[in-house]
Amino acid sequence: MPIQSITQSFAVSEQISPAELQAIAAQGFKSVICNRPDAEGPGQPSFEEIAAAAAQAGLQARHLPVVPGQITEAQVSAMAQLLRELPGPVLAYCRSGARSSNLWQLAQGR
């Protein structure tokens, strides 16, 4: 699970597994945001599974699913709100990290 730091308080990664949440917490993250719709790809853990493992690791978890190439204004506003409310640093993930990076970029200044 390669993590790409965007700022000191925000990073992105490809799909994570429930088993990786303890290590994510150990790296200092306080929150995770899932930007993938459930069942987007084969073998993808559900957000419910991620949220349960995140809670066990002491992390906040939120689901803001975005279809690739179809980011809406409402999703950008929701991402900006999550970034204001969640304790950081925050790790956002999707299939490759690109959607999460794009959402973060679009949410800046909101």
PDB file of N, CA and C in Angstrom:
ATOM      1  N   MET A   1       0.834  -1.173   0.000  1.00  0.00           N
ATOM      2  CA  MET A   1       0.000   0.000   0.000  1.00  0.00           C
ATOM      3  C   MET A   1       0.887   1.247   0.000  1.00  0.00           C
ATOM      4  N   PRO A   2       1.289   1.701  -1.173  1.00  0.00           N
ATOM      5  CA  PRO A   2       2.093   2.930  -1.227  1.00  0.00           C
ATOM      6  C   PRO A   2       1.235   4.157  -0.896  1.00  0.00           C
ATOM      7  N   ILE A   3       1.749   4.987   0.006  1.00  0.00           N
ATOM      8  CA  ILE A   3       1.057   6.202   0.409  1.00  0.00           C
ATOM      9  C   ILE A   3       1.808   7.394  -0.171  1.00  0.00           C
ATOM     10  N   GLN A   4       1.067   8.286  -0.820  1.00  0.00           N
ATOM     11  CA  GLN A   4       1.654   9.490  -1.406  1.00  0.00           C
ATOM     12  C   GLN A   4       1.216  10.691  -0.583  1.00  0.00           C
ATOM     13  N   SER A   5       2.163  11.348   0.076  1.00  0.00           N
ATOM     14  CA  SER A   5       1.849  12.549   0.846  1.00  0.00           C
ATOM     15  C   SER A   5       1.601  13.712  -0.103  1.00  0.00           C
ATOM     16  N   ILE A   6       0.481  14.396   0.106  1.00  0.00           N
ATOM     17  CA  ILE A   6       0.156  15.588  -0.666  1.00  0.00           C
ATOM     18  C   ILE A   6       0.548  16.823   0.153  1.00  0.00           C
ATOM     19  N   THR A   7       0.186  16.813   1.437  1.00  0.00           N
ATOM     20  CA  THR A   7       0.598  17.847   2.391  1.00  0.00           C
ATOM     21  C   THR A   7       0.941  17.117   3.691  1.00  0.00           C
ATOM     22  N   GLN A   8       1.317  17.871   4.718  1.00  0.00           N
ATOM     23  CA  GLN A   8       1.595  17.244   6.013  1.00  0.00           C
ATOM     24  C   GLN A   8       0.345  16.631   6.625  1.00  0.00           C
ATOM     25  N   SER A   9      -0.819  17.134   6.221  1.00  0.00           N
ATOM     26  CA  SER A   9      -2.055  16.661   6.850  1.00  0.00           C
ATOM     27  C   SER A   9      -2.945  15.846   5.912  1.00  0.00           C
ATOM     28  N   PHE A  10      -2.474  15.568   4.686  1.00  0.00           N
ATOM     29  CA  PHE A  10      -3.297  14.820   3.729  1.00  0.00           C
ATOM     30  C   PHE A  10      -2.419  13.968   2.825  1.00  0.00           C
ATOM     31  N   ALA A  11      -2.868  12.708   2.645  1.00  0.00           N
ATOM     32  CA  ALA A  11      -2.164  11.768   1.771  1.00  0.00           C
ATOM     33  C   ALA A  11      -3.198  10.912   1.055  1.00  0.00           C
ATOM     34  N   VAL A  12      -2.770  10.262  -0.011  1.00  0.00           N
ATOM     35  CA  VAL A  12      -3.647   9.382  -0.776  1.00  0.00           C
ATOM     36  C   VAL A  12      -2.968   8.032  -0.981  1.00  0.00           C
ATOM     37  N   SER A  13      -3.795   7.032  -1.266  1.00  0.00           N
ATOM     38  CA  SER A  13      -3.262   5.711  -1.593  1.00  0.00           C
ATOM     39  C   SER A  13      -4.247   4.966  -2.471  1.00  0.00           C
ATOM     40  N   GLU A  14      -3.766   3.864  -2.984  1.00  0.00           N
ATOM     41  CA  GLU A  14      -4.636   2.933  -3.698  1.00  0.00           C
ATOM     42  C   GLU A  14      -5.487   2.221  -2.662  1.00  0.00           C
ATOM     43  N   GLN A  15      -6.340   1.316  -3.116  1.00  0.00           N
ATOM     44  CA  GLN A  15      -7.234   0.554  -2.233  1.00  0.00           C
ATOM     45  C   GLN A  15      -6.473  -0.013  -1.040  1.00  0.00           C
ATOM     46  N   ILE A  16      -7.024   0.157   0.146  1.00  0.00           N
ATOM     47  CA  ILE A  16      -6.450  -0.428   1.353  1.00  0.00           C
ATOM     48  C   ILE A  16      -7.301  -1.616   1.776  1.00  0.00           C
ATOM     49  N   SER A  17      -6.736  -2.438   2.636  1.00  0.00           N
ATOM     50  CA  SER A  17      -7.476  -3.586   3.164  1.00  0.00           C
ATOM     51  C   SER A  17      -7.744  -3.361   4.648  1.00  0.00           C
ATOM     52  N   PRO A  18      -8.741  -4.041   5.197  1.00  0.00           N
ATOM     53  CA  PRO A  18      -8.996  -3.902   6.632  1.00  0.00           C
ATOM     54  C   PRO A  18      -7.759  -4.231   7.478  1.00  0.00           C
ATOM     55  N   ALA A  19      -6.960  -5.197   7.036  1.00  0.00           N
ATOM     56  CA  ALA A  19      -5.770  -5.597   7.792  1.00  0.00           C
ATOM     57  C   ALA A  19      -4.707  -4.506   7.852  1.00  0.00           C
ATOM     58  N   GLU A  20      -4.779  -3.522   6.954  1.00  0.00           N
ATOM     59  CA  GLU A  20      -3.767  -2.460   6.916  1.00  0.00           C
ATOM     60  C   GLU A  20      -4.097  -1.269   7.813  1.00  0.00           C
ATOM     61  N   LEU A  21      -5.293  -1.239   8.401  1.00  0.00           N
ATOM     62  CA  LEU A  21      -5.698  -0.064   9.172  1.00  0.00           C
ATOM     63  C   LEU A  21      -4.852   0.147  10.418  1.00  0.00           C
ATOM     64  N   GLN A  22      -4.418  -0.910  11.080  1.00  0.00           N
ATOM     65  CA  GLN A  22      -3.549  -0.752  12.259  1.00  0.00           C
ATOM     66  C   GLN A  22      -2.237  -0.088  11.859  1.00  0.00           C
ATOM     67  N   ALA A  23      -1.647  -0.515  10.740  1.00  0.00           N
ATOM     68  CA  ALA A  23      -0.393   0.071  10.268  1.00  0.00           C
ATOM     69  C   ALA A  23      -0.593   1.523   9.852  1.00  0.00           C
ATOM     70  N   ILE A  24      -1.749   1.823   9.262  1.00  0.00           N
ATOM     71  CA  ILE A  24      -2.066   3.200   8.870  1.00  0.00           C
ATOM     72  C   ILE A  24      -2.135   4.078  10.120  1.00  0.00           C
ATOM     73  N   ALA A  25      -2.786   3.587  11.156  1.00  0.00           N
ATOM     74  CA  ALA A  25      -2.854   4.330  12.419  1.00  0.00           C
ATOM     75  C   ALA A  25      -1.454   4.491  13.015  1.00  0.00           C
ATOM     76  N   ALA A  26      -0.643   3.450  12.939  1.00  0.00           N
ATOM     77  CA  ALA A  26       0.718   3.508  13.487  1.00  0.00           C
ATOM     78  C   ALA A  26       1.582   4.539  12.756  1.00  0.00           C
ATOM     79  N   GLN A  27       1.228   4.849  11.510  1.00  0.00           N
ATOM     80  CA  GLN A  27       1.957   5.873  10.752  1.00  0.00           C
ATOM     81  C   GLN A  27       1.501   7.285  11.120  1.00  0.00           C
ATOM     82  N   GLY A  28       0.529   7.386  12.028  1.00  0.00           N
ATOM     83  CA  GLY A  28       0.107   8.688  12.526  1.00  0.00           C
ATOM     84  C   GLY A  28      -1.186   9.221  11.943  1.00  0.00           C
ATOM     85  N   PHE A  29      -1.794   8.491  11.012  1.00  0.00           N
ATOM     86  CA  PHE A  29      -3.063   8.964  10.460  1.00  0.00           C
ATOM     87  C   PHE A  29      -4.150   8.876  11.520  1.00  0.00           C
ATOM     88  N   LYS A  30      -5.079   9.825  11.463  1.00  0.00           N
ATOM     89  CA  LYS A  30      -6.201   9.861  12.412  1.00  0.00           C
ATOM     90  C   LYS A  30      -7.526   9.540  11.739  1.00  0.00           C
ATOM     91  N   SER A  31      -7.578   9.704  10.393  1.00  0.00           N
ATOM     92  CA  SER A  31      -8.828   9.510   9.654  1.00  0.00           C
ATOM     93  C   SER A  31      -8.545   8.916   8.279  1.00  0.00           C
ATOM     94  N   VAL A  32      -9.546   8.196   7.744  1.00  0.00           N
ATOM     95  CA  VAL A  32      -9.477   7.695   6.371  1.00  0.00           C
ATOM     96  C   VAL A  32     -10.781   8.058   5.657  1.00  0.00           C
ATOM     97  N   ILE A  33     -10.638   8.378   4.371  1.00  0.00           N
ATOM     98  CA  ILE A  33     -11.790   8.666   3.518  1.00  0.00           C
ATOM     99  C   ILE A  33     -11.734   7.710   2.340  1.00  0.00           C
ATOM    100  N   CYS A  34     -12.809   6.961   2.147  1.00  0.00           N
ATOM    101  CA  CYS A  34     -12.920   6.051   1.012  1.00  0.00           C
ATOM    102  C   CYS A  34     -13.651   6.769  -0.119  1.00  0.00           C
ATOM    103  N   ASN A  35     -12.995   6.885  -1.278  1.00  0.00           N
ATOM    104  CA  ASN A  35     -13.616   7.533  -2.432  1.00  0.00           C
ATOM    105  C   ASN A  35     -14.076   6.538  -3.491  1.00  0.00           C
ATOM    106  N   ARG A  36     -14.160   5.256  -3.140  1.00  0.00           N
ATOM    107  CA  ARG A  36     -14.631   4.231  -4.073  1.00  0.00           C
ATOM    108  C   ARG A  36     -16.059   3.808  -3.750  1.00  0.00           C
ATOM    109  N   PRO A  37     -16.901   3.685  -4.762  1.00  0.00           N
ATOM    110  CA  PRO A  37     -18.197   3.054  -4.519  1.00  0.00           C
ATOM    111  C   PRO A  37     -17.978   1.588  -4.124  1.00  0.00           C
ATOM    112  N   ASP A  38     -18.813   1.069  -3.238  1.00  0.00           N
ATOM    113  CA  ASP A  38     -18.731  -0.359  -2.907  1.00  0.00           C
ATOM    114  C   ASP A  38     -18.933  -1.189  -4.167  1.00  0.00           C
ATOM    115  N   ALA A  39     -18.256  -2.326  -4.249  1.00  0.00           N
ATOM    116  CA  ALA A  39     -18.377  -3.289  -5.349  1.00  0.00           C
ATOM    117  C   ALA A  39     -17.918  -2.719  -6.695  1.00  0.00           C
ATOM    118  N   GLU A  40     -17.039  -1.729  -6.643  1.00  0.00           N
ATOM    119  CA  GLU A  40     -16.507  -1.170  -7.890  1.00  0.00           C
ATOM    120  C   GLU A  40     -15.599  -2.175  -8.602  1.00  0.00           C
ATOM    121  N   GLY A  41     -14.869  -2.954  -7.826  1.00  0.00           N
ATOM    122  CA  GLY A  41     -13.955  -3.923  -8.422  1.00  0.00           C
ATOM    123  C   GLY A  41     -14.007  -5.247  -7.689  1.00  0.00           C
ATOM    124  N   PRO A  42     -13.610  -6.326  -8.353  1.00  0.00           N
ATOM    125  CA  PRO A  42     -13.623  -7.640  -7.708  1.00  0.00           C
ATOM    126  C   PRO A  42     -12.646  -7.697  -6.532  1.00  0.00           C
ATOM    127  N   GLY A  43     -13.090  -8.313  -5.461  1.00  0.00           N
ATOM    128  CA  GLY A  43     -12.240  -8.483  -4.290  1.00  0.00           C
ATOM    129  C   GLY A  43     -12.084  -7.244  -3.433  1.00  0.00           C
ATOM    130  N   GLN A  44     -12.747  -6.177  -3.786  1.00  0.00           N
ATOM    131  CA  GLN A  44     -12.654  -4.925  -3.030  1.00  0.00           C
ATOM    132  C   GLN A  44     -13.395  -5.077  -1.707  1.00  0.00           C
ATOM    133  N   PRO A  45     -12.747  -4.735  -0.569  1.00  0.00           N
ATOM    134  CA  PRO A  45     -13.484  -4.790   0.696  1.00  0.00           C
ATOM    135  C   PRO A  45     -14.572  -3.717   0.721  1.00  0.00           C
ATOM    136  N   SER A  46     -15.677  -4.007   1.368  1.00  0.00           N
ATOM    137  CA  SER A  46     -16.755  -3.019   1.479  1.00  0.00           C
ATOM    138  C   SER A  46     -16.328  -1.911   2.430  1.00  0.00           C
ATOM    139  N   PHE A  47     -16.987  -0.766   2.308  1.00  0.00           N
ATOM    140  CA  PHE A  47     -16.677   0.313   3.241  1.00  0.00           C
ATOM    141  C   PHE A  47     -17.025  -0.114   4.663  1.00  0.00           C
ATOM    142  N   GLU A  48     -18.069  -0.892   4.820  1.00  0.00           N
ATOM    143  CA  GLU A  48     -18.449  -1.379   6.159  1.00  0.00           C
ATOM    144  C   GLU A  48     -17.283  -2.140   6.809  1.00  0.00           C
ATOM    145  N   GLU A  49     -16.597  -2.982   6.031  1.00  0.00           N
ATOM    146  CA  GLU A  49     -15.441  -3.721   6.554  1.00  0.00           C
ATOM    147  C   GLU A  49     -14.301  -2.764   6.919  1.00  0.00           C
ATOM    148  N   ILE A  50     -14.057  -1.791   6.045  1.00  0.00           N
ATOM    149  CA  ILE A  50     -13.005  -0.798   6.308  1.00  0.00           C
ATOM    150  C   ILE A  50     -13.333   0.008   7.557  1.00  0.00           C
ATOM    151  N   ALA A  51     -14.580   0.459   7.665  1.00  0.00           N
ATOM    152  CA  ALA A  51     -14.993   1.282   8.816  1.00  0.00           C
ATOM    153  C   ALA A  51     -14.848   0.514  10.127  1.00  0.00           C
ATOM    154  N   ALA A  52     -15.205  -0.766  10.128  1.00  0.00           N
ATOM    155  CA  ALA A  52     -15.087  -1.568  11.346  1.00  0.00           C
ATOM    156  C   ALA A  52     -13.615  -1.715  11.754  1.00  0.00           C
ATOM    157  N   ALA A  53     -12.749  -1.988  10.793  1.00  0.00           N
ATOM    158  CA  ALA A  53     -11.317  -2.121  11.095  1.00  0.00           C
ATOM    159  C   ALA A  53     -10.721  -0.772  11.495  1.00  0.00           C
ATOM    160  N   ALA A  54     -11.193   0.304  10.888  1.00  0.00           N
ATOM    161  CA  ALA A  54     -10.713   1.639  11.244  1.00  0.00           C
ATOM    162  C   ALA A  54     -11.084   1.956  12.697  1.00  0.00           C
ATOM    163  N   ALA A  55     -12.304   1.660  13.072  1.00  0.00           N
ATOM    164  CA  ALA A  55     -12.743   1.913  14.449  1.00  0.00           C
ATOM    165  C   ALA A  55     -11.878   1.139  15.439  1.00  0.00           C
ATOM    166  N   GLN A  56     -11.568  -0.114  15.115  1.00  0.00           N
ATOM    167  CA  GLN A  56     -10.709  -0.922  15.988  1.00  0.00           C
ATOM    168  C   GLN A  56      -9.312  -0.329  16.094  1.00  0.00           C
ATOM    169  N   ALA A  57      -8.866   0.361  15.047  1.00  0.00           N
ATOM    170  CA  ALA A  57      -7.533   0.969  15.043  1.00  0.00           C
ATOM    171  C   ALA A  57      -7.551   2.389  15.616  1.00  0.00           C
ATOM    172  N   GLY A  58      -8.736   2.860  16.027  1.00  0.00           N
ATOM    173  CA  GLY A  58      -8.855   4.191  16.593  1.00  0.00           C
ATOM    174  C   GLY A  58      -8.919   5.305  15.560  1.00  0.00           C
ATOM    175  N   LEU A  59      -9.307   4.953  14.334  1.00  0.00           N
ATOM    176  CA  LEU A  59      -9.388   5.919  13.243  1.00  0.00           C
ATOM    177  C   LEU A  59     -10.831   6.303  12.942  1.00  0.00           C
ATOM    178  N   GLN A  60     -11.035   7.540  12.525  1.00  0.00           N
ATOM    179  CA  GLN A  60     -12.316   7.964  11.967  1.00  0.00           C
ATOM    180  C   GLN A  60     -12.363   7.455  10.528  1.00  0.00           C
ATOM    181  N   ALA A  61     -13.529   7.099  10.030  1.00  0.00           N
ATOM    182  CA  ALA A  61     -13.660   6.651   8.631  1.00  0.00           C
ATOM    183  C   ALA A  61     -14.932   7.238   8.041  1.00  0.00           C
ATOM    184  N   ARG A  62     -14.809   7.723   6.804  1.00  0.00           N
ATOM    185  CA  ARG A  62     -15.957   8.271   6.092  1.00  0.00           C
ATOM    186  C   ARG A  62     -15.963   7.739   4.670  1.00  0.00           C
ATOM    187  N   HIS A  63     -17.157   7.625   4.116  1.00  0.00           N
ATOM    188  CA  HIS A  63     -17.341   7.111   2.752  1.00  0.00           C
ATOM    189  C   HIS A  63     -17.886   8.231   1.877  1.00  0.00           C
ATOM    190  N   LEU A  64     -17.103   8.630   0.891  1.00  0.00           N
ATOM    191  CA  LEU A  64     -17.523   9.628  -0.094  1.00  0.00           C
ATOM    192  C   LEU A  64     -17.243   9.025  -1.472  1.00  0.00           C
ATOM    193  N   PRO A  65     -18.147   8.122  -1.915  1.00  0.00           N
ATOM    194  CA  PRO A  65     -17.903   7.414  -3.171  1.00  0.00           C
ATOM    195  C   PRO A  65     -18.037   8.323  -4.389  1.00  0.00           C
ATOM    196  N   VAL A  66     -17.097   8.165  -5.306  1.00  0.00           N
ATOM    197  CA  VAL A  66     -17.055   8.956  -6.539  1.00  0.00           C
ATOM    198  C   VAL A  66     -16.801   8.011  -7.702  1.00  0.00           C
ATOM    199  N   VAL A  67     -17.593   8.145  -8.756  1.00  0.00           N
ATOM    200  CA  VAL A  67     -17.376   7.362  -9.969  1.00  0.00           C
ATOM    201  C   VAL A  67     -16.247   8.031 -10.748  1.00  0.00           C
ATOM    202  N   PRO A  68     -15.265   7.252 -11.226  1.00  0.00           N
ATOM    203  CA  PRO A  68     -14.144   7.865 -11.953  1.00  0.00           C
ATOM    204  C   PRO A  68     -14.620   8.758 -13.099  1.00  0.00           C
ATOM    205  N   GLY A  69     -14.031   9.951 -13.163  1.00  0.00           N
ATOM    206  CA  GLY A  69     -14.357  10.874 -14.238  1.00  0.00           C
ATOM    207  C   GLY A  69     -15.692  11.578 -14.100  1.00  0.00           C
ATOM    208  N   GLN A  70     -16.371  11.381 -12.948  1.00  0.00           N
ATOM    209  CA  GLN A  70     -17.698  11.969 -12.773  1.00  0.00           C
ATOM    210  C   GLN A  70     -17.822  12.698 -11.434  1.00  0.00           C
ATOM    211  N   ILE A  71     -16.787  13.425 -11.046  1.00  0.00           N
ATOM    212  CA  ILE A  71     -16.814  14.175  -9.796  1.00  0.00           C
ATOM    213  C   ILE A  71     -17.829  15.314  -9.916  1.00  0.00           C
ATOM    214  N   THR A  72     -18.728  15.407  -8.945  1.00  0.00           N
ATOM    215  CA  THR A  72     -19.755  16.450  -8.960  1.00  0.00           C
ATOM    216  C   THR A  72     -19.384  17.583  -8.006  1.00  0.00           C
ATOM    217  N   GLU A  73     -20.046  18.709  -8.194  1.00  0.00           N
ATOM    218  CA  GLU A  73     -19.846  19.856  -7.304  1.00  0.00           C
ATOM    219  C   GLU A  73     -20.219  19.480  -5.864  1.00  0.00           C
ATOM    220  N   ALA A  74     -21.278  18.709  -5.704  1.00  0.00           N
ATOM    221  CA  ALA A  74     -21.698  18.284  -4.364  1.00  0.00           C
ATOM    222  C   ALA A  74     -20.621  17.423  -3.701  1.00  0.00           C
ATOM    223  N   GLN A  75     -19.964  16.562  -4.466  1.00  0.00           N
ATOM    224  CA  GLN A  75     -18.901  15.720  -3.906  1.00  0.00           C
ATOM    225  C   GLN A  75     -17.684  16.553  -3.517  1.00  0.00           C
ATOM    226  N   VAL A  76     -17.369  17.574  -4.319  1.00  0.00           N
ATOM    227  CA  VAL A  76     -16.255  18.467  -3.985  1.00  0.00           C
ATOM    228  C   VAL A  76     -16.565  19.193  -2.676  1.00  0.00           C
ATOM    229  N   SER A  77     -17.781  19.693  -2.537  1.00  0.00           N
ATOM    230  CA  SER A  77     -18.184  20.382  -1.300  1.00  0.00           C
ATOM    231  C   SER A  77     -18.143  19.435  -0.111  1.00  0.00           C
ATOM    232  N   ALA A  78     -18.592  18.202  -0.315  1.00  0.00           N
ATOM    233  CA  ALA A  78     -18.570  17.203   0.770  1.00  0.00           C
ATOM    234  C   ALA A  78     -17.135  16.880   1.179  1.00  0.00           C
ATOM    235  N   MET A  79     -16.234  16.785   0.210  1.00  0.00           N
ATOM    236  CA  MET A  79     -14.826  16.515   0.521  1.00  0.00           C
ATOM    237  C   MET A  79     -14.242  17.673   1.325  1.00  0.00           C
ATOM    238  N   ALA A  80     -14.524  18.903   0.914  1.00  0.00           N
ATOM    239  CA  ALA A  80     -14.032  20.070   1.643  1.00  0.00           C
ATOM    240  C   ALA A  80     -14.542  20.047   3.090  1.00  0.00           C
ATOM    241  N   GLN A  81     -15.804  19.696   3.267  1.00  0.00           N
ATOM    242  CA  GLN A  81     -16.388  19.613   4.609  1.00  0.00           C
ATOM    243  C   GLN A  81     -15.703  18.539   5.441  1.00  0.00           C
ATOM    244  N   LEU A  82     -15.476  17.361   4.855  1.00  0.00           N
ATOM    245  CA  LEU A  82     -14.787  16.284   5.580  1.00  0.00           C
ATOM    246  C   LEU A  82     -13.386  16.721   5.996  1.00  0.00           C
ATOM    247  N   LEU A  83     -12.684  17.381   5.097  1.00  0.00           N
ATOM    248  CA  LEU A  83     -11.319  17.816   5.407  1.00  0.00           C
ATOM    249  C   LEU A  83     -11.298  18.850   6.531  1.00  0.00           C
ATOM    250  N   ARG A  84     -12.351  19.635   6.663  1.00  0.00           N
ATOM    251  CA  ARG A  84     -12.450  20.592   7.773  1.00  0.00           C
ATOM    252  C   ARG A  84     -12.778  19.887   9.084  1.00  0.00           C
ATOM    253  N   GLU A  85     -13.607  18.856   9.019  1.00  0.00           N
ATOM    254  CA  GLU A  85     -14.148  18.238  10.237  1.00  0.00           C
ATOM    255  C   GLU A  85     -13.304  17.100  10.803  1.00  0.00           C
ATOM    256  N   LEU A  86     -12.690  16.304   9.942  1.00  0.00           N
ATOM    257  CA  LEU A  86     -11.985  15.113  10.420  1.00  0.00           C
ATOM    258  C   LEU A  86     -10.640  15.468  11.041  1.00  0.00           C
ATOM    259  N   PRO A  87     -10.267  14.731  12.088  1.00  0.00           N
ATOM    260  CA  PRO A  87      -8.925  14.947  12.639  1.00  0.00           C
ATOM    261  C   PRO A  87      -7.867  14.481  11.634  1.00  0.00           C
ATOM    262  N   GLY A  88      -6.796  15.229  11.543  1.00  0.00           N
ATOM    263  CA  GLY A  88      -5.725  14.876  10.621  1.00  0.00           C
ATOM    264  C   GLY A  88      -4.516  14.351  11.360  1.00  0.00           C
ATOM    265  N   PRO A  89      -3.627  13.774  10.601  1.00  0.00           N
ATOM    266  CA  PRO A  89      -3.642  13.680   9.146  1.00  0.00           C
ATOM    267  C   PRO A  89      -4.684  12.689   8.631  1.00  0.00           C
ATOM    268  N   VAL A  90      -5.109  12.962   7.390  1.00  0.00           N
ATOM    269  CA  VAL A  90      -6.146  12.177   6.729  1.00  0.00           C
ATOM    270  C   VAL A  90      -5.526  11.396   5.568  1.00  0.00           C
ATOM    271  N   LEU A  91      -5.915  10.132   5.440  1.00  0.00           N
ATOM    272  CA  LEU A  91      -5.552   9.315   4.284  1.00  0.00           C
ATOM    273  C   LEU A  91      -6.818   9.059   3.483  1.00  0.00           C
ATOM    274  N   ALA A  92      -6.842   9.496   2.227  1.00  0.00           N
ATOM    275  CA  ALA A  92      -7.969   9.208   1.340  1.00  0.00           C
ATOM    276  C   ALA A  92      -7.509   8.156   0.341  1.00  0.00           C
ATOM    277  N   TYR A  93      -8.421   7.261  -0.032  1.00  0.00           N
ATOM    278  CA  TYR A  93      -8.026   6.216  -0.979  1.00  0.00           C
ATOM    279  C   TYR A  93      -9.134   5.937  -1.983  1.00  0.00           C
ATOM    280  N   CYS A  94      -8.711   5.375  -3.099  1.00  0.00           N
ATOM    281  CA  CYS A  94      -9.609   4.928  -4.160  1.00  0.00           C
ATOM    282  C   CYS A  94      -8.897   3.760  -4.853  1.00  0.00           C
ATOM    283  N   ARG A  95      -9.202   3.486  -6.097  1.00  0.00           N
ATOM    284  CA  ARG A  95      -8.532   2.367  -6.764  1.00  0.00           C
ATOM    285  C   ARG A  95      -7.041   2.632  -6.929  1.00  0.00           C
ATOM    286  N   SER A  96      -6.688   3.833  -7.387  1.00  0.00           N
ATOM    287  CA  SER A  96      -5.277   4.139  -7.649  1.00  0.00           C
ATOM    288  C   SER A  96      -4.738   5.314  -6.839  1.00  0.00           C
ATOM    289  N   GLY A  97      -5.618   6.106  -6.234  1.00  0.00           N
ATOM    290  CA  GLY A  97      -5.235   7.331  -5.541  1.00  0.00           C
ATOM    291  C   GLY A  97      -5.549   8.585  -6.348  1.00  0.00           C
ATOM    292  N   ALA A  98      -5.799   8.437  -7.649  1.00  0.00           N
ATOM    293  CA  ALA A  98      -6.021   9.597  -8.521  1.00  0.00           C
ATOM    294  C   ALA A  98      -7.306  10.351  -8.177  1.00  0.00           C
ATOM    295  N   ARG A  99      -8.407   9.630  -7.987  1.00  0.00           N
ATOM    296  CA  ARG A  99      -9.684  10.280  -7.638  1.00  0.00           C
ATOM    297  C   ARG A  99      -9.557  11.075  -6.347  1.00  0.00           C
ATOM    298  N   SER A 100      -8.907  10.458  -5.368  1.00  0.00           N
ATOM    299  CA  SER A 100      -8.736  11.126  -4.074  1.00  0.00           C
ATOM    300  C   SER A 100      -7.887  12.383  -4.227  1.00  0.00           C
ATOM    301  N   SER A 101      -6.823  12.307  -5.023  1.00  0.00           N
ATOM    302  CA  SER A 101      -5.981  13.488  -5.279  1.00  0.00           C
ATOM    303  C   SER A 101      -6.783  14.574  -5.972  1.00  0.00           C
ATOM    304  N   ASN A 102      -7.556  14.196  -6.975  1.00  0.00           N
ATOM    305  CA  ASN A 102      -8.370  15.167  -7.714  1.00  0.00           C
ATOM    306  C   ASN A 102      -9.400  15.831  -6.806  1.00  0.00           C
ATOM    307  N   LEU A 103     -10.066  15.026  -5.975  1.00  0.00           N
ATOM    308  CA  LEU A 103     -11.053  15.592  -5.047  1.00  0.00           C
ATOM    309  C   LEU A 103     -10.405  16.583  -4.091  1.00  0.00           C
ATOM    310  N   TRP A 104      -9.251  16.212  -3.550  1.00  0.00           N
ATOM    311  CA  TRP A 104      -8.547  17.102  -2.637  1.00  0.00           C
ATOM    312  C   TRP A 104      -8.234  18.425  -3.327  1.00  0.00           C
ATOM    313  N   GLN A 105      -7.679  18.324  -4.538  1.00  0.00           N
ATOM    314  CA  GLN A 105      -7.293  19.526  -5.279  1.00  0.00           C
ATOM    315  C   GLN A 105      -8.505  20.427  -5.531  1.00  0.00           C
ATOM    316  N   LEU A 106      -9.618  19.831  -5.969  1.00  0.00           N
ATOM    317  CA  LEU A 106     -10.812  20.599  -6.244  1.00  0.00           C
ATOM    318  C   LEU A 106     -11.412  21.226  -4.979  1.00  0.00           C
ATOM    319  N   ALA A 107     -11.182  20.583  -3.826  1.00  0.00           N
ATOM    320  CA  ALA A 107     -11.759  21.063  -2.567  1.00  0.00           C
ATOM    321  C   ALA A 107     -10.960  22.213  -1.942  1.00  0.00           C
ATOM    322  N   GLN A 108      -9.783  22.480  -2.440  1.00  0.00           N
ATOM    323  CA  GLN A 108      -8.961  23.547  -1.873  1.00  0.00           C
ATOM    324  C   GLN A 108      -9.644  24.900  -2.050  1.00  0.00           C
ATOM    325  N   GLY A 109      -9.601  25.703  -0.990  1.00  0.00           N
ATOM    326  CA  GLY A 109     -10.189  27.038  -1.035  1.00  0.00           C
ATOM    327  C   GLY A 109     -11.690  27.078  -0.852  1.00  0.00           C
ATOM    328  N   ARG A 110     -12.290  25.965  -0.477  1.00  0.00           N
ATOM    329  CA  ARG A 110     -13.746  25.935  -0.273  1.00  0.00           C
ATOM    330  C   ARG A 110     -14.072  26.001   1.196  1.00  0.00           C
TER     331      ARG A 110
END
